[in-house]
Every structure is written in structure tokens, then in C-alpha cells.
């Protein structure tokens, strides 16, 4: 399933994650998943929230630079090798994964949800 993700661009220096996290907390917006990727000077803080449009407004009002992108949320078996079957499907379809991260793990149904950024989410769903 396709879901919306928010990316916040930050300087790579102490305390920068606090501003967007505080803004969302003060607005009562719960973060479902978060990942941080950094370079020497900048970082990209990525969020999954229930209402990305509201979260984007809150973050922009707080002075953050925000971009919304579409990612693919896929459930896999939460066991050793559970991800491999999905990766084989992506490989067979000649799909490159730009990045991915896990959220919603250790569920009672034995599934884990992973977020994937791929060039064509619709083609990935078909595959």
C-alpha cells in the first residue's frame, strides 16, 4: 500500500531533531515511524504519521523545510529471512530501492511493516 511520508531537512548539528519533534508533540501528532539519514552537513528526518497534511502544516509553521513523498508500506513475516522473499521480487522486477526502514514490528500476528522508497510504487505493488 502507498502511504505519505514527510521529510524534514536539518543541519547536522546538536539539537536539530528537537524542533520538529517538539512541534509535532505540541500539536498532538503521534509519530508512527521515524528514520534519520545524515551527511556531513545536513540530515533528512523522515516521518510516518496518520495525518501527513496536518503534520506538514505544523512543521512548516515551526520553520521546517518539509517535503511529502510516497513510500510503499509492505508487510513481511517477522522472522529470519522474512525480508528476503520481498527483495527477490524487487530484484526480479529490476527495481532499485532508494531506501527503506522498518516500523510496526513485533506484532502479535507475526508481521512487520517496512517502508520502501522506490521509483515507481505502482509498479512495485504489481510486482
C-alpha atoms as a PDB file:
ATOM      1  CA  UNK A   1       0.000   0.000   0.000  1.00  0.00           C
ATOM      2  CA  UNK A   2       1.196   3.515  -0.755  1.00  0.00           C
ATOM      3  CA  UNK A   3       1.489   5.933   2.159  1.00  0.00           C
ATOM      4  CA  UNK A   4       2.709   9.519   2.532  1.00  0.00           C
ATOM      5  CA  UNK A   5       5.991  10.252   4.257  1.00  0.00           C
ATOM      6  CA  UNK A   6       7.297  13.603   5.462  1.00  0.00           C
ATOM      7  CA  UNK A   7      10.959  14.506   5.049  1.00  0.00           C
ATOM      8  CA  UNK A   8      12.394  17.348   7.104  1.00  0.00           C
ATOM      9  CA  UNK A   9      15.765  18.803   6.162  1.00  0.00           C
ATOM     10  CA  UNK A  10      18.050  19.626   9.096  1.00  0.00           C
ATOM     11  CA  UNK A  11      21.527  20.966   9.685  1.00  0.00           C
ATOM     12  CA  UNK A  12      23.808  18.274  11.053  1.00  0.00           C
ATOM     13  CA  UNK A  13      24.487  19.808  14.462  1.00  0.00           C
ATOM     14  CA  UNK A  14      23.345  19.093  18.024  1.00  0.00           C
ATOM     15  CA  UNK A  15      19.715  19.737  18.920  1.00  0.00           C
ATOM     16  CA  UNK A  16      18.261  19.918  15.406  1.00  0.00           C
ATOM     17  CA  UNK A  17      15.900  16.939  15.769  1.00  0.00           C
ATOM     18  CA  UNK A  18      14.242  18.553  18.761  1.00  0.00           C
ATOM     19  CA  UNK A  19      12.419  21.327  16.847  1.00  0.00           C
ATOM     20  CA  UNK A  20      10.325  19.099  14.530  1.00  0.00           C
ATOM     21  CA  UNK A  21       9.728  16.509  17.241  1.00  0.00           C
ATOM     22  CA  UNK A  22       8.604  19.198  19.715  1.00  0.00           C
ATOM     23  CA  UNK A  23       6.332  20.835  17.116  1.00  0.00           C
ATOM     24  CA  UNK A  24       4.582  17.543  16.379  1.00  0.00           C
ATOM     25  CA  UNK A  25       4.310  16.675  20.069  1.00  0.00           C
ATOM     26  CA  UNK A  26       2.846  20.072  20.945  1.00  0.00           C
ATOM     27  CA  UNK A  27       0.268  19.617  18.164  1.00  0.00           C
ATOM     28  CA  UNK A  28      -0.671  16.174  19.499  1.00  0.00           C
ATOM     29  CA  UNK A  29       0.617  14.389  16.404  1.00  0.00           C
ATOM     30  CA  UNK A  30       1.991  10.933  17.134  1.00  0.00           C
ATOM     31  CA  UNK A  31       4.925   9.684  15.075  1.00  0.00           C
ATOM     32  CA  UNK A  32       4.369   6.126  13.832  1.00  0.00           C
ATOM     33  CA  UNK A  33       7.834   5.714  12.306  1.00  0.00           C
ATOM     34  CA  UNK A  34      10.950   7.822  12.018  1.00  0.00           C
ATOM     35  CA  UNK A  35      14.369   7.472  10.460  1.00  0.00           C
ATOM     36  CA  UNK A  36      17.322   9.836  10.175  1.00  0.00           C
ATOM     37  CA  UNK A  37      19.869   9.850   7.368  1.00  0.00           C
ATOM     38  CA  UNK A  38      22.776  12.227   7.545  1.00  0.00           C
ATOM     39  CA  UNK A  39      25.613  13.650   5.539  1.00  0.00           C
ATOM     40  CA  UNK A  40      28.470  15.744   6.828  1.00  0.00           C
ATOM     41  CA  UNK A  41      26.461  18.982   6.875  1.00  0.00           C
ATOM     42  CA  UNK A  42      22.767  18.045   6.568  1.00  0.00           C
ATOM     43  CA  UNK A  43      20.332  15.361   7.616  1.00  0.00           C
ATOM     44  CA  UNK A  44      16.962  14.164   6.433  1.00  0.00           C
ATOM     45  CA  UNK A  45      14.496  13.237   9.148  1.00  0.00           C
ATOM     46  CA  UNK A  46      11.690  11.093   7.714  1.00  0.00           C
ATOM     47  CA  UNK A  47       8.336  10.612   9.480  1.00  0.00           C
ATOM     48  CA  UNK A  48       5.258   8.475   9.012  1.00  0.00           C
ATOM     49  CA  UNK A  49       2.214   9.969  10.770  1.00  0.00           C
ATOM     50  CA  UNK A  50      -1.544   9.364  10.496  1.00  0.00           C
ATOM     51  CA  UNK A  51      -2.276  12.814   9.040  1.00  0.00           C
ATOM     52  CA  UNK A  52       0.671  13.948   6.913  1.00  0.00           C
ATOM     53  CA  UNK A  53      -1.064  17.112   5.661  1.00  0.00           C
ATOM     54  CA  UNK A  54      -1.691  18.371   9.212  1.00  0.00           C
ATOM     55  CA  UNK A  55       1.825  17.414  10.271  1.00  0.00           C
ATOM     56  CA  UNK A  56       3.314  19.246   7.295  1.00  0.00           C
ATOM     57  CA  UNK A  57       1.420  22.412   8.225  1.00  0.00           C
ATOM     58  CA  UNK A  58       2.641  22.168  11.831  1.00  0.00           C
ATOM     59  CA  UNK A  59       6.246  21.611  10.762  1.00  0.00           C
ATOM     60  CA  UNK A  60       6.233  24.426   8.209  1.00  0.00           C
ATOM     61  CA  UNK A  61       4.716  26.790  10.775  1.00  0.00           C
ATOM     62  CA  UNK A  62       7.610  25.840  13.079  1.00  0.00           C
ATOM     63  CA  UNK A  63      10.059  26.875  10.340  1.00  0.00           C
ATOM     64  CA  UNK A  64      10.981  23.455   8.975  1.00  0.00           C
ATOM     65  CA  UNK A  65      11.628  22.681   5.331  1.00  0.00           C
ATOM     66  CA  UNK A  66       9.275  19.769   4.591  1.00  0.00           C
ATOM     67  CA  UNK A  67       8.662  17.556   1.587  1.00  0.00           C
ATOM     68  CA  UNK A  68       5.981  14.883   1.185  1.00  0.00           C
ATOM     69  CA  UNK A  69       6.800  11.743  -0.766  1.00  0.00           C
ATOM     70  CA  UNK A  70       5.068   8.480  -1.441  1.00  0.00           C
ATOM     71  CA  UNK A  71       6.536   5.304   0.018  1.00  0.00           C
ATOM     72  CA  UNK A  72       5.401   1.730  -0.197  1.00  0.00           C
ATOM     73  CA  UNK A  73       4.341   0.062   3.070  1.00  0.00           C
ATOM     74  CA  UNK A  74       4.730  -3.705   2.847  1.00  0.00           C
ATOM     75  CA  UNK A  75       4.118  -6.374   5.457  1.00  0.00           C
ATOM     76  CA  UNK A  76       6.544  -9.266   5.713  1.00  0.00           C
ATOM     77  CA  UNK A  77       6.816 -12.197   8.073  1.00  0.00           C
ATOM     78  CA  UNK A  78       8.662 -11.054  11.207  1.00  0.00           C
ATOM     79  CA  UNK A  79      11.171 -13.909  11.244  1.00  0.00           C
ATOM     80  CA  UNK A  80      14.693 -14.526   9.991  1.00  0.00           C
ATOM     81  CA  UNK A  81      14.608 -14.267   6.201  1.00  0.00           C
ATOM     82  CA  UNK A  82      11.151 -12.665   6.098  1.00  0.00           C
ATOM     83  CA  UNK A  83      12.504  -9.764   4.064  1.00  0.00           C
ATOM     84  CA  UNK A  84      14.411 -11.920   1.561  1.00  0.00           C
ATOM     85  CA  UNK A  85      11.298 -13.080  -0.344  1.00  0.00           C
ATOM     86  CA  UNK A  86      10.247  -9.472  -0.936  1.00  0.00           C
ATOM     87  CA  UNK A  87      13.757  -8.450  -2.002  1.00  0.00           C
ATOM     88  CA  UNK A  88      13.762 -11.290  -4.521  1.00  0.00           C
ATOM     89  CA  UNK A  89      10.505  -9.945  -6.002  1.00  0.00           C
ATOM     90  CA  UNK A  90      12.020  -6.453  -6.317  1.00  0.00           C
ATOM     91  CA  UNK A  91      15.164  -7.892  -7.885  1.00  0.00           C
ATOM     92  CA  UNK A  92      13.192  -9.983 -10.396  1.00  0.00           C
ATOM     93  CA  UNK A  93      11.242  -6.833 -11.376  1.00  0.00           C
ATOM     94  CA  UNK A  94      14.571  -4.963 -11.726  1.00  0.00           C
ATOM     95  CA  UNK A  95      13.535  -2.411  -9.078  1.00  0.00           C
ATOM     96  CA  UNK A  96      16.046  -0.303  -7.218  1.00  0.00           C
ATOM     97  CA  UNK A  97      15.331   0.512  -3.586  1.00  0.00           C
ATOM     98  CA  UNK A  98      16.375   4.076  -2.764  1.00  0.00           C
ATOM     99  CA  UNK A  99      15.976   3.469   0.971  1.00  0.00           C
ATOM    100  CA  UNK A 100      13.853   1.519   3.423  1.00  0.00           C
ATOM    101  CA  UNK A 101      13.163   1.288   7.123  1.00  0.00           C
ATOM    102  CA  UNK A 102      11.075  -0.854   9.433  1.00  0.00           C
ATOM    103  CA  UNK A 103       8.171   0.145  11.626  1.00  0.00           C
ATOM    104  CA  UNK A 104       5.337  -1.647  13.380  1.00  0.00           C
ATOM    105  CA  UNK A 105       7.397  -4.709  14.318  1.00  0.00           C
ATOM    106  CA  UNK A 106       6.876  -7.416  16.968  1.00  0.00           C
ATOM    107  CA  UNK A 107       3.153  -7.539  16.284  1.00  0.00           C
ATOM    108  CA  UNK A 108       1.076 -10.426  17.628  1.00  0.00           C
ATOM    109  CA  UNK A 109       0.222 -11.540  14.068  1.00  0.00           C
ATOM    110  CA  UNK A 110       3.923 -12.181  13.347  1.00  0.00           C
ATOM    111  CA  UNK A 111       4.165  -9.467  10.681  1.00  0.00           C
ATOM    112  CA  UNK A 112       6.447  -6.445  10.375  1.00  0.00           C
ATOM    113  CA  UNK A 113       5.756  -3.404   8.216  1.00  0.00           C
ATOM    114  CA  UNK A 114       8.557  -1.935   6.130  1.00  0.00           C
ATOM    115  CA  UNK A 115       8.587   1.382   4.271  1.00  0.00           C
ATOM    116  CA  UNK A 116      10.295   1.368   0.870  1.00  0.00           C
ATOM    117  CA  UNK A 117      11.118   4.311  -1.348  1.00  0.00           C
ATOM    118  CA  UNK A 118      11.181   3.092  -4.941  1.00  0.00           C
ATOM    119  CA  UNK A 119      10.985   4.972  -8.218  1.00  0.00           C
ATOM    120  CA  UNK A 120       7.571   3.585  -9.192  1.00  0.00           C
ATOM    121  CA  UNK A 121       5.429   2.457  -6.233  1.00  0.00           C
ATOM    122  CA  UNK A 122       2.596   1.321  -8.535  1.00  0.00           C
ATOM    123  CA  UNK A 123       4.934  -0.982 -10.451  1.00  0.00           C
ATOM    124  CA  UNK A 124       6.277  -2.314  -7.150  1.00  0.00           C
ATOM    125  CA  UNK A 125       2.743  -3.106  -5.988  1.00  0.00           C
ATOM    126  CA  UNK A 126       2.096  -5.007  -9.239  1.00  0.00           C
ATOM    127  CA  UNK A 127       5.321  -6.977  -8.839  1.00  0.00           C
END
